[in-house]
Amino acid sequence: MFVYPQQSLVGRIMPKNMIYQNIRVSTAIKNQFVSQVKEIVWKYKLSENKINLSPKEGVAEIQVFEITLKTPDLSQNVLKIIDKAIALSHILPSLLSGKHQLYCCLQASVRK
């Protein structure tokens, strides 16, 4: 999908419960998350200390998380809890059976 600089690679698998453990989420949305998301990998961190990318217009860095899905789509409810859980701007490429989808979320300070 995109080629990111090698020095920005993080490559850590995130436990799914890290997404919803620090925010209030209903049982129904938590179950929806568990049924739709197979795995989350923190793939890249695009920041000044990793790739000498200076912060611009309120965006300090961009995180890239790859989400492997169990279902063809990721619901808006699940996207909202991921967006709340990740405080920085992020890109969420998702993968199901070799097909990619892309979701981008700006941090709250940029959404004016």
PDB file of N, CA and C in Angstrom:
ATOM      1  N   MET A   1       0.833  -1.184   0.000  1.00  0.00           N
ATOM      2  CA  MET A   1       0.000   0.000   0.000  1.00  0.00           C
ATOM      3  C   MET A   1       0.885   1.256   0.000  1.00  0.00           C
ATOM      4  N   PHE A   2       1.696   1.455   1.045  1.00  0.00           N
ATOM      5  CA  PHE A   2       2.656   2.547   1.125  1.00  0.00           C
ATOM      6  C   PHE A   2       4.006   1.961   1.506  1.00  0.00           C
ATOM      7  N   VAL A   3       5.053   2.641   1.102  1.00  0.00           N
ATOM      8  CA  VAL A   3       6.390   2.246   1.523  1.00  0.00           C
ATOM      9  C   VAL A   3       6.856   3.299   2.527  1.00  0.00           C
ATOM     10  N   TYR A   4       7.089   2.855   3.754  1.00  0.00           N
ATOM     11  CA  TYR A   4       7.543   3.749   4.827  1.00  0.00           C
ATOM     12  C   TYR A   4       9.034   3.567   5.026  1.00  0.00           C
ATOM     13  N   PRO A   5       9.719   4.615   5.523  1.00  0.00           N
ATOM     14  CA  PRO A   5      11.159   4.488   5.781  1.00  0.00           C
ATOM     15  C   PRO A   5      11.442   3.375   6.788  1.00  0.00           C
ATOM     16  N   GLN A   6      12.442   2.572   6.533  1.00  0.00           N
ATOM     17  CA  GLN A   6      12.780   1.427   7.384  1.00  0.00           C
ATOM     18  C   GLN A   6      13.071   1.845   8.823  1.00  0.00           C
ATOM     19  N   GLN A   7      13.700   3.018   9.015  1.00  0.00           N
ATOM     20  CA  GLN A   7      14.033   3.462  10.371  1.00  0.00           C
ATOM     21  C   GLN A   7      12.799   3.838  11.190  1.00  0.00           C
ATOM     22  N   SER A   8      11.633   3.937  10.563  1.00  0.00           N
ATOM     23  CA  SER A   8      10.399   4.242  11.290  1.00  0.00           C
ATOM     24  C   SER A   8       9.664   2.974  11.741  1.00  0.00           C
ATOM     25  N   LEU A   9      10.196   1.812  11.386  1.00  0.00           N
ATOM     26  CA  LEU A   9       9.553   0.538  11.721  1.00  0.00           C
ATOM     27  C   LEU A   9       9.499   0.323  13.236  1.00  0.00           C
ATOM     28  N   VAL A  10       8.314  -0.046  13.731  1.00  0.00           N
ATOM     29  CA  VAL A  10       8.131  -0.428  15.129  1.00  0.00           C
ATOM     30  C   VAL A  10       7.863  -1.926  15.182  1.00  0.00           C
ATOM     31  N   GLY A  11       6.839  -2.409  14.465  1.00  0.00           N
ATOM     32  CA  GLY A  11       6.571  -3.827  14.327  1.00  0.00           C
ATOM     33  C   GLY A  11       6.139  -4.560  15.589  1.00  0.00           C
ATOM     34  N   ARG A  12       5.389  -3.901  16.468  1.00  0.00           N
ATOM     35  CA  ARG A  12       4.927  -4.548  17.708  1.00  0.00           C
ATOM     36  C   ARG A  12       3.464  -4.927  17.629  1.00  0.00           C
ATOM     37  N   ILE A  13       3.153  -6.155  18.021  1.00  0.00           N
ATOM     38  CA  ILE A  13       1.760  -6.576  18.130  1.00  0.00           C
ATOM     39  C   ILE A  13       1.183  -5.965  19.398  1.00  0.00           C
ATOM     40  N   MET A  14       0.025  -5.339  19.260  1.00  0.00           N
ATOM     41  CA  MET A  14      -0.643  -4.724  20.410  1.00  0.00           C
ATOM     42  C   MET A  14      -1.749  -5.642  20.912  1.00  0.00           C
ATOM     43  N   PRO A  15      -1.801  -5.892  22.211  1.00  0.00           N
ATOM     44  CA  PRO A  15      -2.947  -6.630  22.734  1.00  0.00           C
ATOM     45  C   PRO A  15      -4.224  -5.838  22.445  1.00  0.00           C
ATOM     46  N   LYS A  16      -5.247  -6.505  21.952  1.00  0.00           N
ATOM     47  CA  LYS A  16      -6.479  -5.806  21.585  1.00  0.00           C
ATOM     48  C   LYS A  16      -7.111  -5.090  22.773  1.00  0.00           C
ATOM     49  N   ASN A  17      -6.971  -5.660  23.970  1.00  0.00           N
ATOM     50  CA  ASN A  17      -7.613  -5.025  25.121  1.00  0.00           C
ATOM     51  C   ASN A  17      -6.983  -3.676  25.466  1.00  0.00           C
ATOM     52  N   MET A  18      -5.781  -3.384  24.971  1.00  0.00           N
ATOM     53  CA  MET A  18      -5.172  -2.063  25.190  1.00  0.00           C
ATOM     54  C   MET A  18      -6.007  -0.965  24.553  1.00  0.00           C
ATOM     55  N   ILE A  19      -6.739  -1.293  23.512  1.00  0.00           N
ATOM     56  CA  ILE A  19      -7.554  -0.301  22.824  1.00  0.00           C
ATOM     57  C   ILE A  19      -8.724   0.145  23.695  1.00  0.00           C
ATOM     58  N   TYR A  20      -9.379  -0.780  24.358  1.00  0.00           N
ATOM     59  CA  TYR A  20     -10.589  -0.398  25.097  1.00  0.00           C
ATOM     60  C   TYR A  20     -10.446  -0.428  26.611  1.00  0.00           C
ATOM     61  N   GLN A  21      -9.268  -0.693  27.158  1.00  0.00           N
ATOM     62  CA  GLN A  21      -9.140  -0.788  28.615  1.00  0.00           C
ATOM     63  C   GLN A  21      -9.173   0.561  29.325  1.00  0.00           C
ATOM     64  N   ASN A  22      -8.768   1.640  28.677  1.00  0.00           N
ATOM     65  CA  ASN A  22      -8.711   2.943  29.337  1.00  0.00           C
ATOM     66  C   ASN A  22      -9.814   3.913  28.917  1.00  0.00           C
ATOM     67  N   ILE A  23     -10.780   3.447  28.148  1.00  0.00           N
ATOM     68  CA  ILE A  23     -11.911   4.285  27.772  1.00  0.00           C
ATOM     69  C   ILE A  23     -13.195   3.527  28.052  1.00  0.00           C
ATOM     70  N   ARG A  24     -14.260   4.281  28.267  1.00  0.00           N
ATOM     71  CA  ARG A  24     -15.552   3.637  28.533  1.00  0.00           C
ATOM     72  C   ARG A  24     -16.158   3.117  27.235  1.00  0.00           C
ATOM     73  N   VAL A  25     -16.390   1.818  27.205  1.00  0.00           N
ATOM     74  CA  VAL A  25     -16.943   1.169  26.018  1.00  0.00           C
ATOM     75  C   VAL A  25     -18.029   0.205  26.480  1.00  0.00           C
ATOM     76  N   SER A  26     -19.161   0.239  25.807  1.00  0.00           N
ATOM     77  CA  SER A  26     -20.231  -0.695  26.159  1.00  0.00           C
ATOM     78  C   SER A  26     -19.816  -2.119  25.807  1.00  0.00           C
ATOM     79  N   THR A  27     -20.448  -3.068  26.448  1.00  0.00           N
ATOM     80  CA  THR A  27     -20.170  -4.484  26.169  1.00  0.00           C
ATOM     81  C   THR A  27     -20.463  -4.811  24.712  1.00  0.00           C
ATOM     82  N   ALA A  28     -21.517  -4.223  24.163  1.00  0.00           N
ATOM     83  CA  ALA A  28     -21.889  -4.495  22.763  1.00  0.00           C
ATOM     84  C   ALA A  28     -20.782  -4.033  21.804  1.00  0.00           C
ATOM     85  N   ILE A  29     -20.229  -2.845  22.043  1.00  0.00           N
ATOM     86  CA  ILE A  29     -19.169  -2.337  21.164  1.00  0.00           C
ATOM     87  C   ILE A  29     -17.880  -3.127  21.375  1.00  0.00           C
ATOM     88  N   LYS A  30     -17.601  -3.486  22.615  1.00  0.00           N
ATOM     89  CA  LYS A  30     -16.422  -4.311  22.897  1.00  0.00           C
ATOM     90  C   LYS A  30     -16.536  -5.654  22.160  1.00  0.00           C
ATOM     91  N   ASN A  31     -17.716  -6.263  22.195  1.00  0.00           N
ATOM     92  CA  ASN A  31     -17.943  -7.528  21.487  1.00  0.00           C
ATOM     93  C   ASN A  31     -17.814  -7.351  19.975  1.00  0.00           C
ATOM     94  N   GLN A  32     -18.290  -6.217  19.475  1.00  0.00           N
ATOM     95  CA  GLN A  32     -18.171  -5.916  18.046  1.00  0.00           C
ATOM     96  C   GLN A  32     -16.688  -5.797  17.669  1.00  0.00           C
ATOM     97  N   PHE A  33     -15.924  -5.115  18.505  1.00  0.00           N
ATOM     98  CA  PHE A  33     -14.483  -4.971  18.289  1.00  0.00           C
ATOM     99  C   PHE A  33     -13.820  -6.347  18.227  1.00  0.00           C
ATOM    100  N   VAL A  34     -14.096  -7.186  19.211  1.00  0.00           N
ATOM    101  CA  VAL A  34     -13.491  -8.521  19.290  1.00  0.00           C
ATOM    102  C   VAL A  34     -13.896  -9.379  18.089  1.00  0.00           C
ATOM    103  N   SER A  35     -15.135  -9.246  17.630  1.00  0.00           N
ATOM    104  CA  SER A  35     -15.599 -10.067  16.508  1.00  0.00           C
ATOM    105  C   SER A  35     -15.057  -9.585  15.159  1.00  0.00           C
ATOM    106  N   GLN A  36     -14.666  -8.310  15.059  1.00  0.00           N
ATOM    107  CA  GLN A  36     -14.199  -7.768  13.778  1.00  0.00           C
ATOM    108  C   GLN A  36     -12.680  -7.710  13.649  1.00  0.00           C
ATOM    109  N   VAL A  37     -11.971  -7.554  14.760  1.00  0.00           N
ATOM    110  CA  VAL A  37     -10.526  -7.328  14.710  1.00  0.00           C
ATOM    111  C   VAL A  37      -9.771  -8.598  15.119  1.00  0.00           C
ATOM    112  N   LYS A  38      -8.915  -9.069  14.216  1.00  0.00           N
ATOM    113  CA  LYS A  38      -8.111 -10.251  14.514  1.00  0.00           C
ATOM    114  C   LYS A  38      -6.811  -9.870  15.212  1.00  0.00           C
ATOM    115  N   GLU A  39      -6.132  -8.833  14.691  1.00  0.00           N
ATOM    116  CA  GLU A  39      -4.824  -8.452  15.242  1.00  0.00           C
ATOM    117  C   GLU A  39      -4.534  -6.993  14.908  1.00  0.00           C
ATOM    118  N   ILE A  40      -3.820  -6.324  15.829  1.00  0.00           N
ATOM    119  CA  ILE A  40      -3.366  -4.954  15.604  1.00  0.00           C
ATOM    120  C   ILE A  40      -1.848  -4.936  15.757  1.00  0.00           C
ATOM    121  N   VAL A  41      -1.174  -4.410  14.742  1.00  0.00           N
ATOM    122  CA  VAL A  41       0.284  -4.303  14.787  1.00  0.00           C
ATOM    123  C   VAL A  41       0.645  -2.825  14.640  1.00  0.00           C
ATOM    124  N   TRP A  42       1.416  -2.321  15.610  1.00  0.00           N
ATOM    125  CA  TRP A  42       1.957  -0.966  15.503  1.00  0.00           C
ATOM    126  C   TRP A  42       3.120  -1.065  14.536  1.00  0.00           C
ATOM    127  N   LYS A  43       2.908  -0.648  13.294  1.00  0.00           N
ATOM    128  CA  LYS A  43       3.881  -0.859  12.225  1.00  0.00           C
ATOM    129  C   LYS A  43       4.948   0.229  12.170  1.00  0.00           C
ATOM    130  N   TYR A  44       4.534   1.501  12.163  1.00  0.00           N
ATOM    131  CA  TYR A  44       5.494   2.582  11.960  1.00  0.00           C
ATOM    132  C   TYR A  44       5.180   3.779  12.843  1.00  0.00           C
ATOM    133  N   LYS A  45       6.234   4.511  13.160  1.00  0.00           N
ATOM    134  CA  LYS A  45       6.116   5.771  13.878  1.00  0.00           C
ATOM    135  C   LYS A  45       6.852   6.823  13.044  1.00  0.00           C
ATOM    136  N   LEU A  46       6.086   7.711  12.452  1.00  0.00           N
ATOM    137  CA  LEU A  46       6.652   8.762  11.611  1.00  0.00           C
ATOM    138  C   LEU A  46       6.792  10.011  12.470  1.00  0.00           C
ATOM    139  N   SER A  47       8.003  10.253  12.951  1.00  0.00           N
ATOM    140  CA  SER A  47       8.235  11.356  13.881  1.00  0.00           C
ATOM    141  C   SER A  47       9.612  11.966  13.657  1.00  0.00           C
ATOM    142  N   GLU A  48       9.822  13.083  14.308  1.00  0.00           N
ATOM    143  CA  GLU A  48      11.094  13.791  14.161  1.00  0.00           C
ATOM    144  C   GLU A  48      12.274  12.932  14.606  1.00  0.00           C
ATOM    145  N   ASN A  49      12.119  12.215  15.719  1.00  0.00           N
ATOM    146  CA  ASN A  49      13.249  11.410  16.218  1.00  0.00           C
ATOM    147  C   ASN A  49      13.472  10.127  15.411  1.00  0.00           C
ATOM    148  N   LYS A  50      12.502   9.703  14.630  1.00  0.00           N
ATOM    149  CA  LYS A  50      12.674   8.483  13.813  1.00  0.00           C
ATOM    150  C   LYS A  50      13.149   8.796  12.395  1.00  0.00           C
ATOM    151  N   ILE A  51      12.528   9.801  11.766  1.00  0.00           N
ATOM    152  CA  ILE A  51      12.845  10.062  10.354  1.00  0.00           C
ATOM    153  C   ILE A  51      13.102  11.545  10.070  1.00  0.00           C
ATOM    154  N   ASN A  52      13.383  12.313  11.123  1.00  0.00           N
ATOM    155  CA  ASN A  52      13.673  13.732  10.975  1.00  0.00           C
ATOM    156  C   ASN A  52      12.534  14.474  10.281  1.00  0.00           C
ATOM    157  N   LEU A  53      11.306  14.136  10.641  1.00  0.00           N
ATOM    158  CA  LEU A  53      10.105  14.762  10.090  1.00  0.00           C
ATOM    159  C   LEU A  53       9.615  15.794  11.094  1.00  0.00           C
ATOM    160  N   SER A  54       9.736  17.055  10.771  1.00  0.00           N
ATOM    161  CA  SER A  54       9.341  18.117  11.684  1.00  0.00           C
ATOM    162  C   SER A  54       7.831  18.174  11.859  1.00  0.00           C
ATOM    163  N   PRO A  55       7.359  18.440  13.091  1.00  0.00           N
ATOM    164  CA  PRO A  55       5.922  18.588  13.328  1.00  0.00           C
ATOM    165  C   PRO A  55       5.357  19.734  12.490  1.00  0.00           C
ATOM    166  N   LYS A  56       4.149  19.557  11.984  1.00  0.00           N
ATOM    167  CA  LYS A  56       3.487  20.578  11.167  1.00  0.00           C
ATOM    168  C   LYS A  56       2.038  20.750  11.620  1.00  0.00           C
ATOM    169  N   GLU A  57       1.586  21.983  11.704  1.00  0.00           N
ATOM    170  CA  GLU A  57       0.194  22.328  11.962  1.00  0.00           C
ATOM    171  C   GLU A  57      -0.468  21.463  13.022  1.00  0.00           C
ATOM    172  N   GLY A  58       0.181  21.301  14.165  1.00  0.00           N
ATOM    173  CA  GLY A  58      -0.416  20.566  15.274  1.00  0.00           C
ATOM    174  C   GLY A  58      -0.264  19.060  15.221  1.00  0.00           C
ATOM    175  N   VAL A  59       0.386  18.536  14.193  1.00  0.00           N
ATOM    176  CA  VAL A  59       0.605  17.093  14.095  1.00  0.00           C
ATOM    177  C   VAL A  59       2.055  16.810  14.469  1.00  0.00           C
ATOM    178  N   ALA A  60       2.251  16.284  15.677  1.00  0.00           N
ATOM    179  CA  ALA A  60       3.602  16.012  16.165  1.00  0.00           C
ATOM    180  C   ALA A  60       4.213  14.790  15.481  1.00  0.00           C
ATOM    181  N   GLU A  61       3.397  13.773  15.282  1.00  0.00           N
ATOM    182  CA  GLU A  61       3.852  12.542  14.633  1.00  0.00           C
ATOM    183  C   GLU A  61       2.650  11.780  14.118  1.00  0.00           C
ATOM    184  N   ILE A  62       2.918  10.795  13.295  1.00  0.00           N
ATOM    185  CA  ILE A  62       1.860   9.938  12.752  1.00  0.00           C
ATOM    186  C   ILE A  62       2.224   8.497  13.068  1.00  0.00           C
ATOM    187  N   GLN A  63       1.271   7.790  13.629  1.00  0.00           N
ATOM    188  CA  GLN A  63       1.435   6.376  13.931  1.00  0.00           C
ATOM    189  C   GLN A  63       0.724   5.568  12.846  1.00  0.00           C
ATOM    190  N   VAL A  64       1.284   4.443  12.469  1.00  0.00           N
ATOM    191  CA  VAL A  64       0.655   3.554  11.494  1.00  0.00           C
ATOM    192  C   VAL A  64       0.417   2.218  12.187  1.00  0.00           C
ATOM    193  N   PHE A  65      -0.851   1.845  12.280  1.00  0.00           N
ATOM    194  CA  PHE A  65      -1.250   0.574  12.880  1.00  0.00           C
ATOM    195  C   PHE A  65      -1.907  -0.271  11.800  1.00  0.00           C
ATOM    196  N   GLU A  66      -1.426  -1.477  11.604  1.00  0.00           N
ATOM    197  CA  GLU A  66      -2.047  -2.388  10.646  1.00  0.00           C
ATOM    198  C   GLU A  66      -3.024  -3.277  11.396  1.00  0.00           C
ATOM    199  N   ILE A  67      -4.257  -3.297  10.925  1.00  0.00           N
ATOM    200  CA  ILE A  67      -5.306  -4.079  11.571  1.00  0.00           C
ATOM    201  C   ILE A  67      -5.692  -5.223  10.646  1.00  0.00           C
ATOM    202  N   THR A  68      -5.551  -6.430  11.129  1.00  0.00           N
ATOM    203  CA  THR A  68      -6.007  -7.594  10.377  1.00  0.00           C
ATOM    204  C   THR A  68      -7.424  -7.881  10.838  1.00  0.00           C
ATOM    205  N   LEU A  69      -8.340  -7.943   9.881  1.00  0.00           N
ATOM    206  CA  LEU A  69      -9.763  -8.090  10.197  1.00  0.00           C
ATOM    207  C   LEU A  69     -10.249  -9.527  10.085  1.00  0.00           C
ATOM    208  N   LYS A  70     -11.295  -9.813  10.843  1.00  0.00           N
ATOM    209  CA  LYS A  70     -11.999 -11.085  10.737  1.00  0.00           C
ATOM    210  C   LYS A  70     -13.196 -10.958   9.804  1.00  0.00           C
ATOM    211  N   THR A  71     -13.657  -9.726   9.583  1.00  0.00           N
ATOM    212  CA  THR A  71     -14.846  -9.453   8.770  1.00  0.00           C
ATOM    213  C   THR A  71     -14.467  -8.506   7.629  1.00  0.00           C
ATOM    214  N   PRO A  72     -15.303  -8.409   6.589  1.00  0.00           N
ATOM    215  CA  PRO A  72     -14.966  -7.544   5.449  1.00  0.00           C
ATOM    216  C   PRO A  72     -14.869  -6.052   5.773  1.00  0.00           C
ATOM    217  N   ASP A  73     -15.577  -5.594   6.791  1.00  0.00           N
ATOM    218  CA  ASP A  73     -15.575  -4.167   7.114  1.00  0.00           C
ATOM    219  C   ASP A  73     -15.330  -3.940   8.587  1.00  0.00           C
ATOM    220  N   LEU A  74     -14.874  -2.733   8.882  1.00  0.00           N
ATOM    221  CA  LEU A  74     -14.666  -2.297  10.254  1.00  0.00           C
ATOM    222  C   LEU A  74     -15.767  -1.276  10.540  1.00  0.00           C
ATOM    223  N   SER A  75     -16.570  -1.515  11.566  1.00  0.00           N
ATOM    224  CA  SER A  75     -17.713  -0.639  11.836  1.00  0.00           C
ATOM    225  C   SER A  75     -17.262   0.725  12.340  1.00  0.00           C
ATOM    226  N   GLN A  76     -18.123   1.714  12.185  1.00  0.00           N
ATOM    227  CA  GLN A  76     -17.846   3.065  12.681  1.00  0.00           C
ATOM    228  C   GLN A  76     -17.640   3.067  14.185  1.00  0.00           C
ATOM    229  N   ASN A  77     -18.393   2.237  14.920  1.00  0.00           N
ATOM    230  CA  ASN A  77     -18.229   2.162  16.380  1.00  0.00           C
ATOM    231  C   ASN A  77     -16.824   1.706  16.758  1.00  0.00           C
ATOM    232  N   VAL A  78     -16.323   0.718  16.050  1.00  0.00           N
ATOM    233  CA  VAL A  78     -14.981   0.208  16.329  1.00  0.00           C
ATOM    234  C   VAL A  78     -13.936   1.257  15.951  1.00  0.00           C
ATOM    235  N   LEU A  79     -14.118   1.919  14.820  1.00  0.00           N
ATOM    236  CA  LEU A  79     -13.197   2.990  14.427  1.00  0.00           C
ATOM    237  C   LEU A  79     -13.169   4.103  15.477  1.00  0.00           C
ATOM    238  N   LYS A  80     -14.317   4.445  16.031  1.00  0.00           N
ATOM    239  CA  LYS A  80     -14.382   5.501  17.042  1.00  0.00           C
ATOM    240  C   LYS A  80     -13.608   5.138  18.301  1.00  0.00           C
ATOM    241  N   ILE A  81     -13.700   3.881  18.749  1.00  0.00           N
ATOM    242  CA  ILE A  81     -12.959   3.534  19.970  1.00  0.00           C
ATOM    243  C   ILE A  81     -11.455   3.465  19.702  1.00  0.00           C
ATOM    244  N   ILE A  82     -11.065   3.048  18.505  1.00  0.00           N
ATOM    245  CA  ILE A  82      -9.644   3.064  18.154  1.00  0.00           C
ATOM    246  C   ILE A  82      -9.151   4.506  18.122  1.00  0.00           C
ATOM    247  N   ASP A  83      -9.944   5.386  17.530  1.00  0.00           N
ATOM    248  CA  ASP A  83      -9.583   6.800  17.444  1.00  0.00           C
ATOM    249  C   ASP A  83      -9.429   7.418  18.836  1.00  0.00           C
ATOM    250  N   LYS A  84     -10.313   7.085  19.760  1.00  0.00           N
ATOM    251  CA  LYS A  84     -10.224   7.600  21.132  1.00  0.00           C
ATOM    252  C   LYS A  84      -9.007   7.039  21.857  1.00  0.00           C
ATOM    253  N   ALA A  85      -8.698   5.788  21.617  1.00  0.00           N
ATOM    254  CA  ALA A  85      -7.612   5.122  22.342  1.00  0.00           C
ATOM    255  C   ALA A  85      -6.231   5.584  21.890  1.00  0.00           C
ATOM    256  N   ILE A  86      -6.110   5.988  20.635  1.00  0.00           N
ATOM    257  CA  ILE A  86      -4.826   6.426  20.102  1.00  0.00           C
ATOM    258  C   ILE A  86      -4.853   7.948  20.021  1.00  0.00           C
ATOM    259  N   ALA A  87      -4.138   8.582  20.925  1.00  0.00           N
ATOM    260  CA  ALA A  87      -4.222  10.043  21.073  1.00  0.00           C
ATOM    261  C   ALA A  87      -3.566  10.818  19.936  1.00  0.00           C
ATOM    262  N   LEU A  88      -2.675  10.206  19.207  1.00  0.00           N
ATOM    263  CA  LEU A  88      -1.964  10.899  18.137  1.00  0.00           C
ATOM    264  C   LEU A  88      -2.622  10.639  16.787  1.00  0.00           C
ATOM    265  N   SER A  89      -2.249  11.433  15.794  1.00  0.00           N
ATOM    266  CA  SER A  89      -2.741  11.184  14.442  1.00  0.00           C
ATOM    267  C   SER A  89      -2.256   9.815  13.994  1.00  0.00           C
ATOM    268  N   HIS A  90      -3.118   9.105  13.275  1.00  0.00           N
ATOM    269  CA  HIS A  90      -2.739   7.750  12.893  1.00  0.00           C
ATOM    270  C   HIS A  90      -3.381   7.338  11.577  1.00  0.00           C
ATOM    271  N   ILE A  91      -2.752   6.348  10.980  1.00  0.00           N
ATOM    272  CA  ILE A  91      -3.238   5.729   9.745  1.00  0.00           C
ATOM    273  C   ILE A  91      -3.500   4.272  10.079  1.00  0.00           C
ATOM    274  N   LEU A  92      -4.639   3.773   9.637  1.00  0.00           N
ATOM    275  CA  LEU A  92      -5.014   2.396   9.947  1.00  0.00           C
ATOM    276  C   LEU A  92      -5.248   1.608   8.668  1.00  0.00           C
ATOM    277  N   PRO A  93      -4.195   1.047   8.083  1.00  0.00           N
ATOM    278  CA  PRO A  93      -4.451   0.137   6.971  1.00  0.00           C
ATOM    279  C   PRO A  93      -5.019  -1.158   7.544  1.00  0.00           C
ATOM    280  N   SER A  94      -6.070  -1.665   6.944  1.00  0.00           N
ATOM    281  CA  SER A  94      -6.628  -2.921   7.421  1.00  0.00           C
ATOM    282  C   SER A  94      -6.541  -3.957   6.308  1.00  0.00           C
ATOM    283  N   LEU A  95      -6.510  -5.199   6.704  1.00  0.00           N
ATOM    284  CA  LEU A  95      -6.248  -6.277   5.765  1.00  0.00           C
ATOM    285  C   LEU A  95      -7.220  -7.419   6.011  1.00  0.00           C
ATOM    286  N   LEU A  96      -7.865  -7.891   4.957  1.00  0.00           N
ATOM    287  CA  LEU A  96      -8.725  -9.069   5.016  1.00  0.00           C
ATOM    288  C   LEU A  96      -8.543  -9.819   3.711  1.00  0.00           C
ATOM    289  N   SER A  97      -8.067 -11.035   3.802  1.00  0.00           N
ATOM    290  CA  SER A  97      -7.863 -11.892   2.636  1.00  0.00           C
ATOM    291  C   SER A  97      -7.095 -11.192   1.518  1.00  0.00           C
ATOM    292  N   GLY A  98      -6.027 -10.487   1.887  1.00  0.00           N
ATOM    293  CA  GLY A  98      -5.184  -9.832   0.904  1.00  0.00           C
ATOM    294  C   GLY A  98      -5.720  -8.523   0.361  1.00  0.00           C
ATOM    295  N   LYS A  99      -6.907  -8.087   0.782  1.00  0.00           N
ATOM    296  CA  LYS A  99      -7.479  -6.824   0.326  1.00  0.00           C
ATOM    297  C   LYS A  99      -7.243  -5.764   1.393  1.00  0.00           C
ATOM    298  N   HIS A 100      -6.842  -4.569   0.968  1.00  0.00           N
ATOM    299  CA  HIS A 100      -6.534  -3.488   1.897  1.00  0.00           C
ATOM    300  C   HIS A 100      -7.637  -2.436   1.925  1.00  0.00           C
ATOM    301  N   GLN A 101      -7.832  -1.846   3.103  1.00  0.00           N
ATOM    302  CA  GLN A 101      -8.666  -0.667   3.289  1.00  0.00           C
ATOM    303  C   GLN A 101      -7.821   0.312   4.090  1.00  0.00           C
ATOM    304  N   LEU A 102      -8.099   1.592   3.986  1.00  0.00           N
ATOM    305  CA  LEU A 102      -7.292   2.583   4.690  1.00  0.00           C
ATOM    306  C   LEU A 102      -8.201   3.545   5.438  1.00  0.00           C
ATOM    307  N   TYR A 103      -7.875   3.783   6.704  1.00  0.00           N
ATOM    308  CA  TYR A 103      -8.582   4.735   7.549  1.00  0.00           C
ATOM    309  C   TYR A 103      -7.543   5.693   8.108  1.00  0.00           C
ATOM    310  N   CYS A 104      -7.819   6.990   8.067  1.00  0.00           N
ATOM    311  CA  CYS A 104      -6.904   7.991   8.623  1.00  0.00           C
ATOM    312  C   CYS A 104      -7.644   8.794   9.678  1.00  0.00           C
ATOM    313  N   CYS A 105      -6.974   9.048  10.798  1.00  0.00           N
ATOM    314  CA  CYS A 105      -7.580   9.780  11.898  1.00  0.00           C
ATOM    315  C   CYS A 105      -6.619  10.862  12.367  1.00  0.00           C
ATOM    316  N   LEU A 106      -7.108  12.083  12.407  1.00  0.00           N
ATOM    317  CA  LEU A 106      -6.291  13.189  12.921  1.00  0.00           C
ATOM    318  C   LEU A 106      -6.523  13.353  14.404  1.00  0.00           C
ATOM    319  N   GLN A 107      -5.481  13.744  15.134  1.00  0.00           N
ATOM    320  CA  GLN A 107      -5.638  13.976  16.555  1.00  0.00           C
ATOM    321  C   GLN A 107      -6.589  15.142  16.777  1.00  0.00           C
ATOM    322  N   ALA A 108      -7.202  15.213  17.945  1.00  0.00           N
ATOM    323  CA  ALA A 108      -8.240  16.182  18.244  1.00  0.00           C
ATOM    324  C   ALA A 108      -7.802  17.621  18.021  1.00  0.00           C
ATOM    325  N   SER A 109      -6.567  17.978  18.328  1.00  0.00           N
ATOM    326  CA  SER A 109      -6.119  19.370  18.183  1.00  0.00           C
ATOM    327  C   SER A 109      -6.079  19.837  16.732  1.00  0.00           C
ATOM    328  N   VAL A 110      -6.081  18.905  15.797  1.00  0.00           N
ATOM    329  CA  VAL A 110      -6.040  19.264  14.379  1.00  0.00           C
ATOM    330  C   VAL A 110      -7.441  19.341  13.788  1.00  0.00           C
ATOM    331  N   ARG A 111      -8.432  18.733  14.423  1.00  0.00           N
ATOM    332  CA  ARG A 111      -9.801  18.645  13.897  1.00  0.00           C
ATOM    333  C   ARG A 111     -10.624  19.901  14.165  1.00  0.00           C
ATOM    334  N   LYS A 112     -10.157  21.039  13.840  1.00  0.00           N
ATOM    335  CA  LYS A 112     -10.888  22.284  14.135  1.00  0.00           C
ATOM    336  C   LYS A 112     -11.674  22.754  12.951  1.00  0.00           C
TER     337      LYS A 112
END
